[in-house]
Amino acid sequence: MPQMAPLNWLTLYIFFIMIFILFNCMNYFNFLYSIKSFKTKKSFIPTNWKW
């Protein structure tokens, strides 16, 4: 029946929007950064200020 077509389009629109949001959330929260655990040495150079 053509009268039910808008309801069908609306449900398909909501369905695909929900899949799109779910896909984006999964990609955002499942991204793993590589942990860099190296220590940098701070070199202290003494300066003598002579005014």
PDB file of N, CA and C in Angstrom:
ATOM      1  N   MET A   1       0.824  -1.178   0.000  1.00  0.00           N
ATOM      2  CA  MET A   1       0.000   0.000   0.000  1.00  0.00           C
ATOM      3  C   MET A   1       0.873   1.248   0.000  1.00  0.00           C
ATOM      4  N   PRO A   2       0.580   2.237  -0.796  1.00  0.00           N
ATOM      5  CA  PRO A   2       1.402   3.445  -0.825  1.00  0.00           C
ATOM      6  C   PRO A   2       1.267   4.307   0.426  1.00  0.00           C
ATOM      7  N   GLN A   3       0.190   4.118   1.193  1.00  0.00           N
ATOM      8  CA  GLN A   3       0.029   4.947   2.383  1.00  0.00           C
ATOM      9  C   GLN A   3       1.056   4.605   3.465  1.00  0.00           C
ATOM     10  N   MET A   4       1.611   3.395   3.414  1.00  0.00           N
ATOM     11  CA  MET A   4       2.562   2.973   4.429  1.00  0.00           C
ATOM     12  C   MET A   4       4.011   3.283   4.042  1.00  0.00           C
ATOM     13  N   ALA A   5       4.232   3.842   2.871  1.00  0.00           N
ATOM     14  CA  ALA A   5       5.597   4.116   2.421  1.00  0.00           C
ATOM     15  C   ALA A   5       6.341   5.104   3.305  1.00  0.00           C
ATOM     16  N   PRO A   6       5.736   6.230   3.760  1.00  0.00           N
ATOM     17  CA  PRO A   6       6.492   7.142   4.627  1.00  0.00           C
ATOM     18  C   PRO A   6       6.925   6.501   5.940  1.00  0.00           C
ATOM     19  N   LEU A   7       6.103   5.631   6.492  1.00  0.00           N
ATOM     20  CA  LEU A   7       6.481   4.956   7.727  1.00  0.00           C
ATOM     21  C   LEU A   7       7.680   4.033   7.479  1.00  0.00           C
ATOM     22  N   ASN A   8       7.689   3.372   6.349  1.00  0.00           N
ATOM     23  CA  ASN A   8       8.804   2.504   6.003  1.00  0.00           C
ATOM     24  C   ASN A   8      10.088   3.312   5.833  1.00  0.00           C
ATOM     25  N   TRP A   9      10.015   4.461   5.141  1.00  0.00           N
ATOM     26  CA  TRP A   9      11.205   5.297   4.979  1.00  0.00           C
ATOM     27  C   TRP A   9      11.692   5.829   6.311  1.00  0.00           C
ATOM     28  N   LEU A  10      10.783   6.172   7.188  1.00  0.00           N
ATOM     29  CA  LEU A  10      11.159   6.689   8.501  1.00  0.00           C
ATOM     30  C   LEU A  10      11.869   5.620   9.325  1.00  0.00           C
ATOM     31  N   THR A  11      11.353   4.405   9.293  1.00  0.00           N
ATOM     32  CA  THR A  11      12.006   3.337  10.058  1.00  0.00           C
ATOM     33  C   THR A  11      13.367   3.006   9.471  1.00  0.00           C
ATOM     34  N   LEU A  12      13.490   3.005   8.146  1.00  0.00           N
ATOM     35  CA  LEU A  12      14.791   2.764   7.541  1.00  0.00           C
ATOM     36  C   LEU A  12      15.783   3.877   7.875  1.00  0.00           C
ATOM     37  N   TYR A  13      15.315   5.122   7.880  1.00  0.00           N
ATOM     38  CA  TYR A  13      16.164   6.257   8.222  1.00  0.00           C
ATOM     39  C   TYR A  13      16.664   6.128   9.656  1.00  0.00           C
ATOM     40  N   ILE A  14      15.774   5.833  10.580  1.00  0.00           N
ATOM     41  CA  ILE A  14      16.177   5.676  11.985  1.00  0.00           C
ATOM     42  C   ILE A  14      17.124   4.503  12.150  1.00  0.00           C
ATOM     43  N   PHE A  15      16.853   3.428  11.448  1.00  0.00           N
ATOM     44  CA  PHE A  15      17.708   2.236  11.531  1.00  0.00           C
ATOM     45  C   PHE A  15      19.123   2.539  11.054  1.00  0.00           C
ATOM     46  N   PHE A  16      19.270   3.205   9.914  1.00  0.00           N
ATOM     47  CA  PHE A  16      20.600   3.498   9.392  1.00  0.00           C
ATOM     48  C   PHE A  16      21.323   4.564  10.208  1.00  0.00           C
ATOM     49  N   ILE A  17      20.578   5.512  10.766  1.00  0.00           N
ATOM     50  CA  ILE A  17      21.203   6.504  11.644  1.00  0.00           C
ATOM     51  C   ILE A  17      21.747   5.833  12.905  1.00  0.00           C
ATOM     52  N   MET A  18      20.994   4.903  13.456  1.00  0.00           N
ATOM     53  CA  MET A  18      21.457   4.196  14.654  1.00  0.00           C
ATOM     54  C   MET A  18      22.687   3.343  14.349  1.00  0.00           C
ATOM     55  N   ILE A  19      22.710   2.696  13.193  1.00  0.00           N
ATOM     56  CA  ILE A  19      23.893   1.928  12.807  1.00  0.00           C
ATOM     57  C   ILE A  19      25.091   2.848  12.612  1.00  0.00           C
ATOM     58  N   PHE A  20      24.867   4.010  12.017  1.00  0.00           N
ATOM     59  CA  PHE A  20      25.943   4.969  11.797  1.00  0.00           C
ATOM     60  C   PHE A  20      26.512   5.472  13.121  1.00  0.00           C
ATOM     61  N   ILE A  21      25.644   5.795  14.066  1.00  0.00           N
ATOM     62  CA  ILE A  21      26.111   6.262  15.373  1.00  0.00           C
ATOM     63  C   ILE A  21      26.850   5.157  16.118  1.00  0.00           C
ATOM     64  N   LEU A  22      26.342   3.955  16.062  1.00  0.00           N
ATOM     65  CA  LEU A  22      26.992   2.827  16.713  1.00  0.00           C
ATOM     66  C   LEU A  22      28.365   2.551  16.113  1.00  0.00           C
ATOM     67  N   PHE A  23      28.466   2.599  14.799  1.00  0.00           N
ATOM     68  CA  PHE A  23      29.737   2.364  14.117  1.00  0.00           C
ATOM     69  C   PHE A  23      30.754   3.428  14.503  1.00  0.00           C
ATOM     70  N   ASN A  24      30.330   4.700  14.543  1.00  0.00           N
ATOM     71  CA  ASN A  24      31.251   5.771  14.910  1.00  0.00           C
ATOM     72  C   ASN A  24      31.688   5.668  16.361  1.00  0.00           C
ATOM     73  N   CYS A  25      30.784   5.319  17.238  1.00  0.00           N
ATOM     74  CA  CYS A  25      31.149   5.158  18.648  1.00  0.00           C
ATOM     75  C   CYS A  25      32.121   4.002  18.839  1.00  0.00           C
ATOM     76  N   MET A  26      31.891   2.917  18.144  1.00  0.00           N
ATOM     77  CA  MET A  26      32.801   1.784  18.270  1.00  0.00           C
ATOM     78  C   MET A  26      34.197   2.127  17.741  1.00  0.00           C
ATOM     79  N   ASN A  27      34.262   2.849  16.638  1.00  0.00           N
ATOM     80  CA  ASN A  27      35.560   3.236  16.108  1.00  0.00           C
ATOM     81  C   ASN A  27      36.260   4.245  17.010  1.00  0.00           C
ATOM     82  N   TYR A  28      35.494   5.108  17.646  1.00  0.00           N
ATOM     83  CA  TYR A  28      36.101   6.123  18.510  1.00  0.00           C
ATOM     84  C   TYR A  28      36.644   5.508  19.791  1.00  0.00           C
ATOM     85  N   PHE A  29      35.891   4.637  20.417  1.00  0.00           N
ATOM     86  CA  PHE A  29      36.293   4.102  21.711  1.00  0.00           C
ATOM     87  C   PHE A  29      37.199   2.884  21.600  1.00  0.00           C
ATOM     88  N   ASN A  30      37.301   2.254  20.462  1.00  0.00           N
ATOM     89  CA  ASN A  30      38.168   1.088  20.316  1.00  0.00           C
ATOM     90  C   ASN A  30      39.528   1.426  19.740  1.00  0.00           C
ATOM     91  N   PHE A  31      39.799   2.697  19.516  1.00  0.00           N
ATOM     92  CA  PHE A  31      41.095   3.087  18.967  1.00  0.00           C
ATOM     93  C   PHE A  31      42.125   3.079  20.080  1.00  0.00           C
ATOM     94  N   LEU A  32      43.207   2.306  19.886  1.00  0.00           N
ATOM     95  CA  LEU A  32      44.231   2.173  20.917  1.00  0.00           C
ATOM     96  C   LEU A  32      45.473   2.958  20.513  1.00  0.00           C
ATOM     97  N   TYR A  33      45.889   3.817  21.404  1.00  0.00           N
ATOM     98  CA  TYR A  33      47.122   4.554  21.181  1.00  0.00           C
ATOM     99  C   TYR A  33      48.299   3.717  21.650  1.00  0.00           C
ATOM    100  N   SER A  34      49.419   3.882  20.976  1.00  0.00           N
ATOM    101  CA  SER A  34      50.619   3.191  21.431  1.00  0.00           C
ATOM    102  C   SER A  34      51.216   3.985  22.590  1.00  0.00           C
ATOM    103  N   ILE A  35      51.478   3.287  23.678  1.00  0.00           N
ATOM    104  CA  ILE A  35      51.968   3.940  24.885  1.00  0.00           C
ATOM    105  C   ILE A  35      53.482   4.105  24.774  1.00  0.00           C
ATOM    106  N   LYS A  36      53.904   5.345  24.852  1.00  0.00           N
ATOM    107  CA  LYS A  36      55.329   5.633  24.805  1.00  0.00           C
ATOM    108  C   LYS A  36      55.821   5.800  26.234  1.00  0.00           C
ATOM    109  N   SER A  37      56.642   4.871  26.686  1.00  0.00           N
ATOM    110  CA  SER A  37      57.108   4.910  28.069  1.00  0.00           C
ATOM    111  C   SER A  37      58.628   5.057  28.116  1.00  0.00           C
ATOM    112  N   PHE A  38      59.118   6.107  27.539  1.00  0.00           N
ATOM    113  CA  PHE A  38      60.541   6.369  27.641  1.00  0.00           C
ATOM    114  C   PHE A  38      60.757   7.595  28.510  1.00  0.00           C
ATOM    115  N   LYS A  39      61.864   7.595  29.231  1.00  0.00           N
ATOM    116  CA  LYS A  39      62.143   8.691  30.142  1.00  0.00           C
ATOM    117  C   LYS A  39      63.209   9.592  29.524  1.00  0.00           C
ATOM    118  N   THR A  40      62.973  10.857  29.591  1.00  0.00           N
ATOM    119  CA  THR A  40      63.947  11.811  29.070  1.00  0.00           C
ATOM    120  C   THR A  40      64.772  12.358  30.222  1.00  0.00           C
ATOM    121  N   LYS A  41      66.036  12.463  29.984  1.00  0.00           N
ATOM    122  CA  LYS A  41      66.920  13.011  30.997  1.00  0.00           C
ATOM    123  C   LYS A  41      66.968  14.526  30.847  1.00  0.00           C
ATOM    124  N   LYS A  42      66.781  15.190  31.960  1.00  0.00           N
ATOM    125  CA  LYS A  42      66.860  16.637  31.951  1.00  0.00           C
ATOM    126  C   LYS A  42      68.282  17.035  32.318  1.00  0.00           C
ATOM    127  N   SER A  43      68.932  17.656  31.389  1.00  0.00           N
ATOM    128  CA  SER A  43      70.300  18.083  31.663  1.00  0.00           C
ATOM    129  C   SER A  43      70.278  19.470  32.287  1.00  0.00           C
ATOM    130  N   PHE A  44      70.939  19.586  33.411  1.00  0.00           N
ATOM    131  CA  PHE A  44      70.998  20.849  34.137  1.00  0.00           C
ATOM    132  C   PHE A  44      72.347  21.503  33.876  1.00  0.00           C
ATOM    133  N   ILE A  45      72.315  22.665  33.264  1.00  0.00           N
ATOM    134  CA  ILE A  45      73.537  23.399  32.977  1.00  0.00           C
ATOM    135  C   ILE A  45      73.575  24.594  33.921  1.00  0.00           C
ATOM    136  N   PRO A  46      74.511  24.589  34.862  1.00  0.00           N
ATOM    137  CA  PRO A  46      74.556  25.713  35.795  1.00  0.00           C
ATOM    138  C   PRO A  46      75.081  26.984  35.080  1.00  0.00           C
ATOM    139  N   THR A  47      74.408  28.057  35.338  1.00  0.00           N
ATOM    140  CA  THR A  47      74.843  29.328  34.753  1.00  0.00           C
ATOM    141  C   THR A  47      75.225  30.283  35.875  1.00  0.00           C
ATOM    142  N   ASN A  48      76.342  30.921  35.709  1.00  0.00           N
ATOM    143  CA  ASN A  48      76.806  31.901  36.687  1.00  0.00           C
ATOM    144  C   ASN A  48      76.561  33.282  36.132  1.00  0.00           C
ATOM    145  N   TRP A  49      75.629  33.957  36.752  1.00  0.00           N
ATOM    146  CA  TRP A  49      75.308  35.312  36.316  1.00  0.00           C
ATOM    147  C   TRP A  49      76.207  36.297  37.049  1.00  0.00           C
ATOM    148  N   LYS A  50      76.959  37.023  36.273  1.00  0.00           N
ATOM    149  CA  LYS A  50      77.843  38.025  36.874  1.00  0.00           C
ATOM    150  C   LYS A  50      77.437  39.383  36.339  1.00  0.00           C
ATOM    151  N   TRP A  51      76.819  40.165  37.179  1.00  0.00           N
ATOM    152  CA  TRP A  51      76.333  41.471  36.740  1.00  0.00           C
ATOM    153  C   TRP A  51      77.412  42.507  36.957  1.00  0.00           C
TER     154      TRP A  51
END
